[in-house]
Amino acid sequence: MKRLAAFLTVLILGSPALALAEEHGGYRGIGTLYFTFMGAILIYGVYDSFGKKAMYVMAPIIVIGLYLMLPEH
């Protein structure tokens, strides 16, 4: 759990642009932040339930799937 908290802290503090709203009123910035948290929780859940091998297989699938779900500009 400490690794997950450290990862999220680095992610948030390392990428402040994720939380900034776009000037033209799009939802891509807040959507990226939301899907980043959701992806981290899903990947940790796969790791916790099925182990490290399953996490290595599912992590790219989860990340790509969540990226495709982001709203347009």
N, C-alpha and C. Protein backbone atom coordinates (compact mmCIF):
# COMPACT_ATOMS: atom_id res chain seq x y z
N MET A 1 0.82 -1.19 0.00
CA MET A 1 0.00 0.00 0.00
C MET A 1 0.87 1.26 0.00
N LYS A 2 2.04 1.16 0.65
CA LYS A 2 2.93 2.32 0.67
C LYS A 2 3.45 2.62 -0.73
N ARG A 3 3.69 1.56 -1.52
CA ARG A 3 4.17 1.78 -2.89
C ARG A 3 3.10 2.47 -3.74
N LEU A 4 1.85 2.08 -3.54
CA LEU A 4 0.75 2.70 -4.29
C LEU A 4 0.62 4.18 -3.91
N ALA A 5 0.71 4.48 -2.62
CA ALA A 5 0.62 5.87 -2.18
C ALA A 5 1.79 6.69 -2.71
N ALA A 6 2.98 6.11 -2.70
CA ALA A 6 4.15 6.81 -3.22
C ALA A 6 4.02 7.03 -4.73
N PHE A 7 3.53 6.03 -5.44
CA PHE A 7 3.33 6.16 -6.89
C PHE A 7 2.33 7.26 -7.21
N LEU A 8 1.22 7.29 -6.49
CA LEU A 8 0.22 8.33 -6.74
C LEU A 8 0.74 9.72 -6.39
N THR A 9 1.52 9.82 -5.33
CA THR A 9 2.10 11.10 -4.95
C THR A 9 3.06 11.61 -6.02
N VAL A 10 3.92 10.73 -6.52
CA VAL A 10 4.86 11.12 -7.57
C VAL A 10 4.10 11.49 -8.83
N LEU A 11 3.06 10.75 -9.14
CA LEU A 11 2.27 11.02 -10.34
C LEU A 11 1.59 12.39 -10.26
N ILE A 12 1.01 12.69 -9.12
CA ILE A 12 0.30 13.96 -8.96
C ILE A 12 1.28 15.13 -8.92
N LEU A 13 2.33 15.01 -8.14
CA LEU A 13 3.27 16.11 -8.01
C LEU A 13 4.17 16.25 -9.23
N GLY A 14 4.39 15.16 -9.95
CA GLY A 14 5.24 15.20 -11.13
C GLY A 14 4.54 15.70 -12.37
N SER A 15 3.23 15.67 -12.38
CA SER A 15 2.48 16.08 -13.57
C SER A 15 1.35 17.04 -13.19
N PRO A 16 1.67 18.26 -12.83
CA PRO A 16 0.61 19.18 -12.44
C PRO A 16 -0.31 19.55 -13.60
N ALA A 17 0.13 19.33 -14.83
CA ALA A 17 -0.71 19.66 -15.97
C ALA A 17 -1.94 18.78 -16.06
N LEU A 18 -1.91 17.61 -15.41
CA LEU A 18 -3.08 16.74 -15.45
C LEU A 18 -4.29 17.37 -14.76
N ALA A 19 -4.06 18.15 -13.74
CA ALA A 19 -5.16 18.72 -12.98
C ALA A 19 -5.66 20.04 -13.56
N LEU A 20 -4.93 20.63 -14.47
CA LEU A 20 -5.33 21.92 -15.02
C LEU A 20 -6.41 21.76 -16.07
N ALA A 21 -7.43 22.57 -15.99
CA ALA A 21 -8.49 22.54 -16.98
C ALA A 21 -8.00 23.23 -18.25
N GLU A 22 -8.49 22.77 -19.37
CA GLU A 22 -8.11 23.39 -20.63
C GLU A 22 -8.87 24.69 -20.81
N GLU A 23 -8.30 25.60 -21.57
CA GLU A 23 -8.89 26.93 -21.72
C GLU A 23 -10.21 26.90 -22.49
N HIS A 24 -10.36 25.99 -23.42
CA HIS A 24 -11.56 26.00 -24.23
C HIS A 24 -12.70 25.19 -23.63
N GLY A 25 -12.58 24.79 -22.39
CA GLY A 25 -13.69 24.16 -21.70
C GLY A 25 -13.81 22.67 -21.90
N GLY A 26 -12.77 21.99 -22.33
CA GLY A 26 -12.83 20.55 -22.51
C GLY A 26 -12.68 19.82 -21.19
N TYR A 27 -12.96 18.55 -21.21
CA TYR A 27 -12.87 17.73 -20.00
C TYR A 27 -11.69 16.77 -20.04
N ARG A 28 -10.78 16.94 -20.97
CA ARG A 28 -9.67 16.00 -21.12
C ARG A 28 -8.73 16.04 -19.92
N GLY A 29 -8.47 17.20 -19.35
CA GLY A 29 -7.55 17.30 -18.21
C GLY A 29 -8.07 16.58 -16.99
N ILE A 30 -9.31 16.84 -16.61
CA ILE A 30 -9.88 16.19 -15.43
C ILE A 30 -10.17 14.72 -15.74
N GLY A 31 -10.48 14.42 -16.99
CA GLY A 31 -10.68 13.03 -17.39
C GLY A 31 -9.40 12.22 -17.27
N THR A 32 -8.28 12.82 -17.66
CA THR A 32 -6.99 12.15 -17.54
C THR A 32 -6.66 11.88 -16.08
N LEU A 33 -6.92 12.84 -15.22
CA LEU A 33 -6.67 12.65 -13.80
C LEU A 33 -7.55 11.54 -13.24
N TYR A 34 -8.83 11.55 -13.59
CA TYR A 34 -9.77 10.55 -13.11
C TYR A 34 -9.36 9.15 -13.59
N PHE A 35 -9.06 9.01 -14.87
CA PHE A 35 -8.70 7.70 -15.41
C PHE A 35 -7.34 7.23 -14.91
N THR A 36 -6.44 8.14 -14.56
CA THR A 36 -5.16 7.75 -13.98
C THR A 36 -5.37 7.09 -12.62
N PHE A 37 -6.20 7.71 -11.78
CA PHE A 37 -6.50 7.10 -10.48
C PHE A 37 -7.22 5.77 -10.65
N MET A 38 -8.19 5.74 -11.55
CA MET A 38 -8.94 4.52 -11.77
C MET A 38 -8.03 3.40 -12.28
N GLY A 39 -7.12 3.73 -13.20
CA GLY A 39 -6.19 2.73 -13.72
C GLY A 39 -5.26 2.19 -12.65
N ALA A 40 -4.74 3.08 -11.80
CA ALA A 40 -3.85 2.64 -10.72
C ALA A 40 -4.58 1.69 -9.77
N ILE A 41 -5.82 1.99 -9.46
CA ILE A 41 -6.59 1.13 -8.56
C ILE A 41 -6.89 -0.21 -9.23
N LEU A 42 -7.25 -0.19 -10.51
CA LEU A 42 -7.51 -1.44 -11.22
C LEU A 42 -6.26 -2.31 -11.33
N ILE A 43 -5.14 -1.71 -11.65
CA ILE A 43 -3.90 -2.47 -11.78
C ILE A 43 -3.48 -3.05 -10.43
N TYR A 44 -3.63 -2.27 -9.37
CA TYR A 44 -3.31 -2.79 -8.04
C TYR A 44 -4.26 -3.92 -7.66
N GLY A 45 -5.52 -3.82 -8.04
CA GLY A 45 -6.49 -4.88 -7.76
C GLY A 45 -6.13 -6.17 -8.49
N VAL A 46 -5.69 -6.07 -9.73
CA VAL A 46 -5.26 -7.26 -10.47
C VAL A 46 -4.03 -7.87 -9.79
N TYR A 47 -3.09 -7.03 -9.39
CA TYR A 47 -1.89 -7.51 -8.70
C TYR A 47 -2.25 -8.21 -7.39
N ASP A 48 -3.15 -7.62 -6.65
CA ASP A 48 -3.54 -8.16 -5.35
C ASP A 48 -4.30 -9.48 -5.50
N SER A 49 -5.14 -9.57 -6.53
CA SER A 49 -5.97 -10.75 -6.70
C SER A 49 -5.26 -11.90 -7.41
N PHE A 50 -4.50 -11.59 -8.46
CA PHE A 50 -3.97 -12.64 -9.31
C PHE A 50 -2.46 -12.74 -9.34
N GLY A 51 -1.77 -11.75 -8.81
CA GLY A 51 -0.31 -11.83 -8.75
C GLY A 51 0.38 -10.96 -9.78
N LYS A 52 1.72 -11.04 -9.74
CA LYS A 52 2.54 -10.16 -10.54
C LYS A 52 2.47 -10.47 -12.04
N LYS A 53 2.42 -11.76 -12.41
CA LYS A 53 2.37 -12.12 -13.83
C LYS A 53 1.11 -11.59 -14.49
N ALA A 54 -0.02 -11.74 -13.83
CA ALA A 54 -1.28 -11.25 -14.38
C ALA A 54 -1.27 -9.73 -14.47
N MET A 55 -0.63 -9.08 -13.50
CA MET A 55 -0.55 -7.62 -13.55
C MET A 55 0.26 -7.16 -14.76
N TYR A 56 1.37 -7.87 -15.07
CA TYR A 56 2.18 -7.50 -16.23
C TYR A 56 1.41 -7.67 -17.53
N VAL A 57 0.50 -8.62 -17.58
CA VAL A 57 -0.31 -8.83 -18.78
C VAL A 57 -1.43 -7.81 -18.86
N MET A 58 -2.11 -7.56 -17.75
CA MET A 58 -3.31 -6.72 -17.77
C MET A 58 -3.02 -5.22 -17.71
N ALA A 59 -1.89 -4.81 -17.16
CA ALA A 59 -1.60 -3.38 -17.02
C ALA A 59 -1.63 -2.64 -18.35
N PRO A 60 -0.96 -3.12 -19.40
CA PRO A 60 -1.04 -2.40 -20.67
C PRO A 60 -2.45 -2.39 -21.26
N ILE A 61 -3.19 -3.48 -21.07
CA ILE A 61 -4.57 -3.54 -21.58
C ILE A 61 -5.43 -2.52 -20.85
N ILE A 62 -5.28 -2.41 -19.55
CA ILE A 62 -6.06 -1.43 -18.77
C ILE A 62 -5.70 -0.02 -19.18
N VAL A 63 -4.40 0.27 -19.31
CA VAL A 63 -3.96 1.62 -19.66
C VAL A 63 -4.46 2.01 -21.05
N ILE A 64 -4.34 1.12 -22.01
CA ILE A 64 -4.79 1.44 -23.37
C ILE A 64 -6.30 1.61 -23.40
N GLY A 65 -7.02 0.74 -22.70
CA GLY A 65 -8.47 0.86 -22.64
C GLY A 65 -8.93 2.17 -22.03
N LEU A 66 -8.29 2.58 -20.95
CA LEU A 66 -8.67 3.84 -20.32
C LEU A 66 -8.29 5.04 -21.18
N TYR A 67 -7.17 4.94 -21.90
CA TYR A 67 -6.79 6.03 -22.81
C TYR A 67 -7.82 6.21 -23.92
N LEU A 68 -8.30 5.11 -24.43
CA LEU A 68 -9.31 5.18 -25.49
C LEU A 68 -10.65 5.73 -25.00
N MET A 69 -10.88 5.65 -23.70
CA MET A 69 -12.13 6.15 -23.13
C MET A 69 -12.07 7.66 -22.81
N LEU A 70 -10.91 8.28 -22.93
CA LEU A 70 -10.80 9.71 -22.62
C LEU A 70 -11.70 10.54 -23.54
N PRO A 71 -12.27 11.61 -23.02
CA PRO A 71 -13.09 12.47 -23.88
C PRO A 71 -12.25 13.23 -24.90
N GLU A 72 -12.87 13.57 -25.98
CA GLU A 72 -12.20 14.35 -27.03
C GLU A 72 -11.98 15.78 -26.53
N HIS A 73 -11.19 16.54 -27.28
CA HIS A 73 -10.91 17.92 -26.91
C HIS A 73 -12.15 18.67 -26.94
